[in-house]
Protein backbone atom coordinates (compact mmCIF):
# COMPACT_ATOMS: atom_id res chain seq x y z
CA MET A 1 0.00 0.00 0.00
CA LYS A 2 1.49 3.26 -1.09
CA GLU A 3 0.50 6.83 -1.67
CA PHE A 4 1.19 8.43 -5.00
CA LEU A 5 2.45 11.93 -5.55
CA LEU A 6 2.38 13.84 -8.81
CA PRO A 7 3.52 11.15 -11.25
CA LEU A 8 5.18 13.36 -13.88
CA LEU A 9 7.55 15.26 -11.64
CA LEU A 10 10.41 16.21 -13.92
CA ALA A 11 12.46 18.32 -11.56
CA LEU A 12 11.77 20.19 -8.37
CA PRO A 13 11.49 23.90 -9.20
CA LEU A 14 14.36 25.79 -7.63
CA PRO A 15 13.77 29.05 -5.77
CA ALA A 16 14.22 32.17 -7.85
CA GLN A 17 17.71 33.54 -7.34
CA ALA A 18 18.58 37.14 -6.62
CA GLY A 19 19.35 39.26 -9.61
CA GLY A 20 16.21 41.13 -10.62
CA PRO A 21 12.97 40.40 -12.49
CA CYS A 22 13.00 37.70 -15.15
CA GLY A 23 10.70 39.54 -17.55
CA ASN A 24 8.61 37.82 -20.24
CA PHE A 25 8.30 34.03 -20.01
CA ASP A 26 7.21 33.53 -23.60
CA ARG A 27 10.70 32.80 -24.92
CA PRO A 28 11.68 30.11 -22.38
CA ALA A 29 8.21 28.54 -22.62
CA LYS A 30 8.55 28.43 -26.42
CA GLU A 31 12.02 26.89 -26.15
CA LEU A 32 10.77 24.25 -23.69
CA ALA A 33 7.81 23.42 -25.93
CA ALA A 34 10.19 22.91 -28.87
CA LEU A 35 12.11 20.31 -26.83
CA VAL A 36 9.04 18.08 -26.51
CA THR A 37 10.22 15.94 -29.39
CA GLU A 38 11.12 12.34 -30.10
CA ALA A 39 14.84 13.12 -29.72
CA PRO A 40 15.41 16.29 -27.65
CA SER A 41 18.80 17.96 -28.17
CA GLY A 42 20.54 21.15 -27.15
CA LEU A 43 19.24 21.00 -23.59
CA GLU A 44 22.18 23.06 -22.30
CA LYS A 45 20.97 26.05 -24.32
CA VAL A 46 17.57 26.04 -22.58
CA PHE A 47 18.22 24.67 -19.08
CA ASP A 48 20.45 26.27 -16.48
CA LYS A 49 23.40 24.12 -15.44
CA SER A 50 22.16 24.14 -11.82
CA LEU A 51 19.24 21.95 -12.88
CA PHE A 52 21.55 19.11 -13.91
CA SER A 53 22.65 18.62 -10.32
CA TYR A 54 19.07 17.47 -9.64
CA VAL A 55 18.31 15.53 -12.81
CA SER A 56 20.61 14.07 -15.45
CA ARG A 57 20.53 15.21 -19.07
CA GLU A 58 19.53 11.69 -20.06
CA LYS A 59 16.61 11.60 -17.63
CA LEU A 60 15.49 15.05 -18.72
CA ALA A 61 15.58 14.05 -22.38
CA LEU A 62 13.66 10.84 -21.60
CA VAL A 63 10.85 12.72 -19.82
CA LEU A 64 10.53 15.14 -22.75
CA SER A 65 10.49 12.36 -25.36
CA ASP A 66 7.99 10.31 -23.32
CA LEU A 67 5.73 13.36 -23.11
CA ARG A 68 5.91 13.73 -26.89
CA ARG A 69 5.13 10.04 -27.45
CA ASP A 70 2.19 9.88 -25.04
CA SER A 71 0.63 13.32 -25.44
CA GLY A 72 1.86 14.75 -28.74
CA ALA A 73 3.79 17.81 -29.89
CA VAL A 74 3.04 21.15 -28.24
CA ARG A 75 1.05 23.30 -30.68
CA ALA A 76 0.01 26.15 -28.35
CA ARG A 77 1.07 27.71 -25.06
CA VAL A 78 -1.38 29.43 -22.72
CA PHE A 79 0.07 31.70 -20.02
CA VAL A 80 -1.87 31.22 -16.76
CA SER A 81 -0.12 33.09 -13.97
CA SER A 82 3.18 34.14 -12.42
CA ASP A 83 3.88 33.36 -8.77
CA ASN A 84 6.72 35.85 -8.58
CA ALA A 85 9.22 37.54 -10.88
CA CYS A 86 10.95 34.29 -11.85
CA SER A 87 8.32 31.52 -11.91
CA ALA A 88 5.19 31.06 -14.00
CA HIS A 89 2.44 28.60 -14.90
CA PHE A 90 1.42 27.63 -18.44
CA LEU A 91 -0.89 25.18 -20.13
CA PHE A 92 0.71 23.37 -23.08
CA ASP A 93 -1.84 22.19 -25.67
CA THR A 94 -0.75 19.32 -27.90
CA ASP A 95 -1.71 18.13 -31.37
CA LYS A 96 -3.24 14.99 -29.83
CA GLY A 97 -5.77 17.08 -27.90
CA TYR A 98 -4.07 16.98 -24.51
CA ARG A 99 -3.48 19.80 -22.08
CA VAL A 100 -0.35 19.67 -19.90
CA PRO A 101 -0.08 21.85 -16.75
CA THR A 102 3.46 23.25 -16.80
CA ALA A 103 5.40 25.31 -14.28
CA LEU A 104 8.67 27.07 -15.02
CA THR A 105 11.36 28.68 -12.89
CA LEU A 106 14.10 30.85 -14.39
CA ASN A 107 17.58 31.75 -13.23
CA PRO A 108 17.47 35.56 -13.64
CA ASP A 109 21.23 35.76 -14.16
CA THR A 110 21.31 33.35 -17.12
CA GLY A 111 17.72 33.55 -18.37
CA ARG A 112 17.62 29.77 -18.56
CA LEU A 113 15.23 27.32 -16.93
CA SER A 114 16.31 26.27 -13.44
CA GLY A 115 13.19 24.26 -12.70
CA VAL A 116 10.42 22.58 -14.69
CA PHE A 117 7.33 20.69 -13.60
CA PHE A 118 4.90 18.85 -15.89
CA GLY A 119 1.56 17.90 -14.37
CA VAL A 120 -0.60 15.02 -15.58
CA PRO A 121 -1.69 15.50 -19.21
CA TYR A 122 -5.47 15.40 -19.66
CA ARG A 123 -7.92 15.77 -22.52
CA ALA A 124 -8.51 19.48 -23.19
CA ASP A 125 -12.15 18.76 -24.03
CA MET A 126 -12.76 16.73 -20.86
CA THR A 127 -16.15 17.09 -19.19
CA LEU A 128 -17.47 15.34 -16.11
CA ALA A 129 -19.73 13.26 -18.34
CA LYS A 130 -16.72 12.19 -20.41
CA ALA A 131 -14.78 11.42 -17.24
CA ARG A 132 -17.63 9.18 -16.15
CA ALA A 133 -17.66 7.40 -19.52
CA GLU A 134 -13.88 6.89 -19.55
CA LEU A 135 -13.89 5.46 -16.04
CA ALA A 136 -16.80 3.17 -16.88
CA ALA A 137 -14.82 1.79 -19.84
CA LEU A 138 -11.86 0.69 -17.69
CA PRO A 139 -11.50 -3.02 -16.82
CA GLY A 140 -12.69 -4.05 -13.37
CA ARG A 141 -14.96 -1.91 -11.20
CA THR A 142 -14.91 1.90 -11.22
CA SER A 143 -16.77 4.74 -9.59
CA LEU A 144 -17.07 8.52 -9.60
CA LEU A 145 -18.86 11.14 -7.54
CA ALA A 146 -18.81 14.89 -8.10
CA ILE A 147 -21.11 16.61 -5.63
CA LYS A 148 -21.80 20.17 -4.56
CA LEU A 149 -21.79 20.35 -0.78
CA GLY A 150 -23.97 22.44 1.50
CA GLU A 151 -27.37 22.30 3.19
CA LYS A 152 -28.85 20.71 0.06
CA PRO A 153 -26.11 18.59 -1.56
CA GLU A 154 -26.36 18.38 -5.35
CA ALA A 155 -24.87 15.43 -7.19
CA VAL A 156 -23.26 16.62 -10.42
CA GLU A 157 -21.98 13.35 -11.89
CA THR A 158 -22.19 9.82 -10.52
CA LEU A 159 -21.00 6.31 -11.28
CA ASN A 160 -21.46 3.49 -8.75
CA GLU A 161 -21.02 6.12 -6.04
CA ASN A 162 -22.61 3.99 -3.31
CA GLU A 163 -20.70 0.78 -4.06
CA GLN A 164 -17.94 -0.23 -1.65
CA PHE A 165 -14.38 -0.28 -3.02
CA ALA A 166 -11.00 -1.26 -1.65
CA SER A 167 -9.51 2.15 -0.91
CA GLY A 168 -5.88 1.78 0.11
CA SER A 169 -4.60 4.74 2.11
CA ALA A 170 -7.81 6.76 1.70
CA PHE A 171 -8.99 5.06 4.92
CA LYS A 172 -6.68 7.44 6.80
CA LEU A 173 -9.38 10.10 6.45
CA TYR A 174 -11.20 8.23 9.23
CA VAL A 175 -8.20 8.37 11.55
CA LEU A 176 -7.97 12.12 11.00
CA GLY A 177 -11.72 12.45 11.53
CA ALA A 178 -11.60 10.39 14.74
CA LEU A 179 -9.02 12.82 16.14
CA LEU A 180 -11.61 15.56 15.74
CA GLU A 181 -14.59 13.52 16.86
CA GLU A 182 -12.78 12.36 20.00
CA LYS A 183 -11.37 15.87 20.62
CA PHE A 184 -7.87 14.43 20.75
CA PRO A 185 -5.46 17.31 21.56
CA TRP A 186 -3.30 18.29 18.59
CA ASP A 187 -0.37 19.01 20.91
CA LYS A 188 -0.59 15.71 22.79
CA VAL A 189 2.76 13.91 22.62
CA VAL A 190 2.79 10.32 21.41
CA ARG A 191 5.92 8.22 21.92
CA LEU A 192 6.90 6.16 18.90
CA ARG A 193 6.84 2.42 19.67
CA ASP A 194 8.63 -0.30 17.74
CA GLU A 195 5.40 -2.32 17.64
CA ASP A 196 3.73 0.49 15.68
CA LYS A 197 6.44 0.67 13.02
CA SER A 198 5.07 -0.37 9.66
CA LEU A 199 6.29 -0.69 6.08
CA PRO A 200 6.61 2.18 3.59
CA SER A 201 5.31 4.56 2.54
CA GLY A 202 6.72 6.88 5.20
CA LYS A 203 9.95 7.67 6.98
CA LEU A 204 9.03 7.28 10.67
CA ARG A 205 9.72 3.54 10.55
CA GLY A 206 13.42 4.43 10.67
CA TRP A 207 13.12 6.72 13.70
CA PRO A 208 14.23 5.55 17.16
CA GLU A 209 11.79 4.03 19.60
CA GLY A 210 10.45 6.56 22.08
CA ALA A 211 10.77 9.53 19.73
CA PRO A 212 8.24 12.16 20.93
CA LEU A 213 5.79 13.32 18.25
CA THR A 214 2.68 15.43 18.58
CA ALA A 215 -0.65 14.22 17.27
CA HIS A 216 -0.53 17.08 14.78
CA THR A 217 2.85 15.97 13.41
CA LEU A 218 1.69 12.37 13.11
CA ALA A 219 -1.54 13.42 11.38
CA ALA A 220 0.32 15.69 8.94
CA LEU A 221 2.70 12.85 8.00
CA MET A 222 -0.19 10.38 7.77
CA ILE A 223 -2.16 12.52 5.31
CA SER A 224 0.48 14.40 3.31
CA GLU A 225 3.07 11.61 2.97
CA SER A 226 0.80 8.66 3.79
CA ASP A 227 3.25 7.59 6.48
CA ASN A 228 2.04 4.16 7.61
CA THR A 229 3.96 4.23 10.89
CA ALA A 230 2.42 7.59 11.78
CA THR A 231 -0.97 6.08 11.00
CA ASP A 232 -0.49 3.06 13.23
CA ALA A 233 0.85 5.23 16.05
CA LEU A 234 -2.34 7.32 15.91
CA ILE A 235 -4.59 4.26 15.74
CA ALA A 236 -2.84 2.92 18.85
CA ALA A 237 -3.13 6.27 20.65
CA LEU A 238 -6.82 6.61 19.82
CA GLY A 239 -7.75 2.95 20.12
CA ARG A 240 -9.36 1.12 17.23
CA ARG A 241 -12.70 0.78 19.02
CA ARG A 242 -12.94 4.56 19.40
CA ILE A 243 -12.26 5.00 15.69
CA GLU A 244 -14.95 2.44 14.90
CA ALA A 245 -17.39 4.26 17.16
CA ALA A 246 -16.71 7.51 15.28
CA LEU A 247 -17.41 6.06 11.81
CA PRO A 248 -21.16 6.88 11.73
CA ALA A 249 -20.46 10.52 12.56
CA LEU A 250 -17.82 10.55 9.82
CA GLY A 251 -20.40 9.43 7.29
CA HIS A 252 -19.53 5.81 6.50
CA SER A 253 -22.67 4.12 5.20
CA ASN A 254 -21.81 0.68 6.62
CA PRO A 255 -19.31 0.91 9.51
CA TYR A 256 -19.58 -2.87 10.01
CA LEU A 257 -17.38 -3.28 6.91
CA LEU A 258 -14.50 -1.52 8.70
CA ARG A 259 -14.54 -3.79 11.73
CA PRO A 260 -11.96 -4.54 12.89
CA PHE A 261 -10.40 -1.24 11.84
CA LEU A 262 -7.09 -2.58 10.54
CA THR A 263 -3.72 -1.00 11.17
CA THR A 264 -1.39 -0.88 8.18
CA GLY A 265 0.90 -3.38 9.91
CA GLU A 266 -1.96 -5.87 10.24
CA PHE A 267 -2.93 -5.23 6.63
CA PHE A 268 0.59 -6.01 5.41
CA ARG A 269 0.87 -9.16 7.51
CA LEU A 270 -2.44 -10.50 6.22
CA LYS A 271 -1.67 -9.63 2.60
CA ALA A 272 1.67 -11.45 2.81
CA ASP A 273 0.20 -14.72 4.13
CA SER A 274 -2.50 -16.43 2.07
CA GLU A 275 -3.33 -18.91 4.84
CA ALA A 276 -3.68 -16.20 7.47
CA ALA A 277 -5.75 -14.03 5.13
CA LEU A 278 -8.15 -16.89 4.36
CA LYS A 279 -8.55 -17.79 8.02
CA TYR A 280 -9.15 -14.13 8.94
CA GLN A 281 -11.84 -13.73 6.31
CA ASN A 282 -13.70 -16.85 7.52
CA LEU A 283 -13.83 -15.71 11.14
CA ALA A 284 -16.78 -13.92 12.72
CA VAL A 285 -16.08 -10.23 13.19
CA GLU A 286 -15.59 -10.40 16.97
CA GLU A 287 -13.22 -13.37 16.58
CA ARG A 288 -11.03 -11.36 14.23
CA TYR A 289 -9.84 -9.03 17.00
CA ASP A 290 -8.13 -11.87 18.87
CA PHE A 291 -6.72 -13.23 15.63
CA LEU A 292 -5.09 -9.88 14.88
CA LYS A 293 -3.38 -9.95 18.27
CA SER A 294 -1.72 -13.22 17.29
CA LEU A 295 -0.23 -11.58 14.19
CA LYS A 296 1.75 -8.95 16.07
CA LYS A 297 4.87 -11.07 16.53
CA ARG A 298 5.16 -11.91 12.85
CA PRO A 299 7.96 -9.90 11.24
CA LEU A 300 7.21 -7.31 8.56
CA SER A 301 9.24 -7.58 5.40
CA PRO A 302 8.96 -5.57 2.17
CA GLU A 303 10.11 -8.67 0.30
CA GLY A 304 6.95 -10.47 1.39
CA LEU A 305 4.58 -7.98 -0.19
CA ARG A 306 2.54 -9.12 -3.16
CA GLN A 307 2.96 -7.32 -6.46
CA SER A 308 -0.45 -8.38 -7.76
CA PRO A 309 -4.03 -7.87 -6.48
CA PHE A 310 -5.07 -10.05 -3.56
CA ALA A 311 -8.09 -10.19 -1.23
CA LEU A 312 -9.50 -6.82 -2.28
CA ASN A 313 -12.86 -7.54 -0.66
CA GLY A 314 -11.71 -9.42 2.42
CA VAL A 315 -8.52 -7.78 3.67
CA GLU A 316 -9.16 -4.12 3.06
CA TRP A 317 -10.79 -0.88 4.09
CA LEU A 318 -14.02 -0.82 2.08
CA ILE A 319 -15.25 2.70 1.33
CA SER A 320 -17.58 4.11 -1.32
CA PRO A 321 -17.10 7.45 -3.10
CA GLY A 322 -20.22 8.60 -1.27
CA ASP A 323 -18.57 7.66 2.04
CA MET A 324 -15.42 9.59 1.11
CA CYS A 325 -17.42 12.70 0.22
CA ARG A 326 -19.39 12.50 3.46
CA ALA A 327 -16.06 12.35 5.32
CA MET A 328 -14.84 15.40 3.41
CA ASP A 329 -18.11 17.16 4.24
CA TYR A 330 -17.49 16.33 7.90
CA PHE A 331 -14.17 18.20 7.77
CA LEU A 332 -15.89 21.13 6.07
CA ARG A 333 -18.60 21.31 8.72
CA LYS A 334 -16.18 20.91 11.61
CA ASP A 335 -14.13 23.80 10.16
CA SER A 336 -10.99 22.68 12.01
CA ARG A 337 -8.12 24.88 10.85
CA GLU A 338 -5.61 22.16 11.69
CA ALA A 339 -7.44 19.38 9.84
CA LEU A 340 -8.12 21.50 6.75
CA GLU A 341 -4.50 22.65 6.60
CA ILE A 342 -3.26 19.06 6.91
CA LEU A 343 -5.54 17.92 4.08
CA ALA A 344 -4.21 20.71 1.85
CA VAL A 345 -0.49 19.91 2.16
CA ASN A 346 -0.50 17.41 -0.73
CA THR A 347 -3.22 17.94 -3.35
CA GLY A 348 -2.49 14.65 -5.14
CA LEU A 349 -2.66 16.14 -8.64
CA ALA A 350 -1.89 19.63 -9.92
CA MET A 351 -4.77 21.99 -9.26
CA PRO A 352 -5.92 24.04 -12.29
CA PRO A 353 -4.10 27.35 -11.67
CA GLY A 354 -6.33 30.02 -10.21
CA LYS A 355 -9.44 27.80 -10.20
CA TYR A 356 -9.62 26.65 -6.60
CA LEU A 357 -9.36 28.69 -3.41
CA TYR A 358 -8.87 25.50 -1.38
CA ALA A 359 -8.02 21.89 -2.20
CA GLY A 360 -7.77 19.14 0.40
CA TYR A 361 -6.94 15.60 -0.63
CA LYS A 362 -6.39 11.97 0.30
CA GLY A 363 -5.95 8.99 -1.95
CA GLY A 364 -4.46 5.56 -1.97
CA SER A 365 -3.07 2.83 -4.16
CA GLU A 366 -1.89 -0.75 -4.04
CA PRO A 367 -1.92 -3.58 -6.59
CA GLY A 368 -5.41 -3.58 -8.10
CA VAL A 369 -6.53 -0.50 -6.14
CA LEU A 370 -6.69 3.24 -6.79
CA SER A 371 -8.75 5.84 -4.97
CA MET A 372 -8.78 9.64 -4.86
CA ALA A 373 -10.92 12.16 -2.98
CA TRP A 374 -10.82 15.97 -2.88
CA LEU A 375 -12.54 18.66 -0.86
CA LEU A 376 -12.62 21.72 -3.12
CA LYS A 377 -13.60 25.38 -2.87
CA ASN A 378 -13.89 26.98 -6.29
CA SER A 379 -13.30 30.59 -7.30
CA ARG A 380 -16.98 31.35 -6.58
CA SER A 381 -16.57 30.06 -3.00
CA GLU A 382 -18.71 27.00 -3.69
CA TRP A 383 -17.69 23.76 -1.98
CA TYR A 384 -17.49 20.46 -3.84
CA CYS A 385 -16.24 16.93 -3.30
CA LEU A 386 -14.76 14.88 -6.13
CA ALA A 387 -14.07 11.20 -5.45
CA ALA A 388 -13.33 8.12 -7.54
CA ALA A 389 -12.10 4.56 -7.15
CA TRP A 390 -10.89 1.74 -9.40
CA ASN A 391 -10.55 -1.91 -8.36
CA ASN A 392 -9.50 -4.87 -10.46
CA GLU A 393 -8.94 -8.28 -8.88
CA ALA A 394 -7.51 -9.67 -12.12
CA ALA A 395 -4.68 -7.27 -12.98
CA ASN A 396 -2.65 -4.28 -11.89
CA LEU A 397 -4.02 -0.91 -12.91
CA GLU A 398 -2.77 1.58 -15.49
CA GLU A 399 -2.30 4.50 -13.13
CA LYS A 400 -1.63 7.07 -15.86
CA LYS A 401 -5.08 6.50 -17.38
CA PHE A 402 -6.80 7.03 -14.05
CA PHE A 403 -4.74 10.11 -13.22
CA ALA A 404 -5.42 11.64 -16.65
CA VAL A 405 -9.17 11.22 -16.24
CA MET A 406 -9.14 12.70 -12.75
CA GLN A 407 -6.90 15.61 -13.78
CA GLY A 408 -9.43 16.40 -16.49
CA ALA A 409 -12.31 16.02 -14.05
CA LEU A 410 -10.70 18.52 -11.69
CA SER A 411 -10.47 21.04 -14.52
CA ALA A 412 -14.03 20.36 -15.70
CA LEU A 413 -15.45 20.70 -12.19
CA ALA A 414 -13.60 23.99 -11.69
CA GLY A 415 -15.32 25.41 -14.76
CA ARG A 416 -18.80 24.26 -13.79
CA GLY A 417 -21.20 27.20 -13.67
CA ALA A 418 -18.55 29.73 -14.70
CA GLU A 419 -19.56 32.37 -17.16
């Protein structure tokens, strides 16, 4: 189980250096667009040498050629905004009908690009109805929910929105929500225990036992980096029964499906052992709690993880898109500054520049599983939730296809109702 970040990160944009305003970005954007070819050359004339300490020329050329192969040649550039004197956002439109969010940073002393970021390419003509159709055409089971939140929620586009899906790390929304529902102090110190250390994603598994961490720090790592050790430390601090008791308030339509509320360590141990997973699934719910206790002494090993889908309905956190949007609505109604800020650290995909005043996010992935959910405030101060999931027991998923649809859906939803 891992969290995904922006999948087409070419190079981390470097801070603008001192030296004065960078002026018009049209020239460097044009030069970058011209490099989106099958065999990019002359990179040193466009990119500042400082960039090559972060990414090799070969890797840079590969990303540019892959972009050309998958999305087409850039035929138009649309300036969107400038964050400061030396960084700007563009939309690159390609001859295959794709739109590529692009961010540039210039070295003002050389006038060359010191940082470049390509977001997920998406169909320029994408609508929510088309997003629904494209998801429905994928193999396996898929779902989508775009809903306007408020006193009278208004569903905008739906696909299997009330069906339960394996969700991966999206379940961590319920741990964050339980912190609020149980009024757990953000500044309460939790000592890291070896028994709570889980497998990646996350970096806390390498920290020493007894390290003091606040609930706020653990929650921020759990949501923004999907740190599994942070998650299990919070589940232990809260108690799984308290999290289960909070599920109705957090909007889950069938809390029974999340009992017992698995830690990530338990999840990994069950997924790695077919016999244990089968026995667990055949036990009555109350018997499963004692069974999970017996798993604690089994070692966790990344080598034991499966690389193909397994037990998506039996060893999982089952959540529908409707459930995810009700959880997001809970955070909106609670209006917790801390929770909303934590949700906004990692937006999952690039937000359409200037289209959203707020974007909070949580998603998840594992073999055969993808899920994404956003809480969004558009430029007209209207609140929406966008959620989707894709499960396939038979094969691993093509992540790029899912990301492209959802990137397009984010753009389409932002434009809904705009004049």
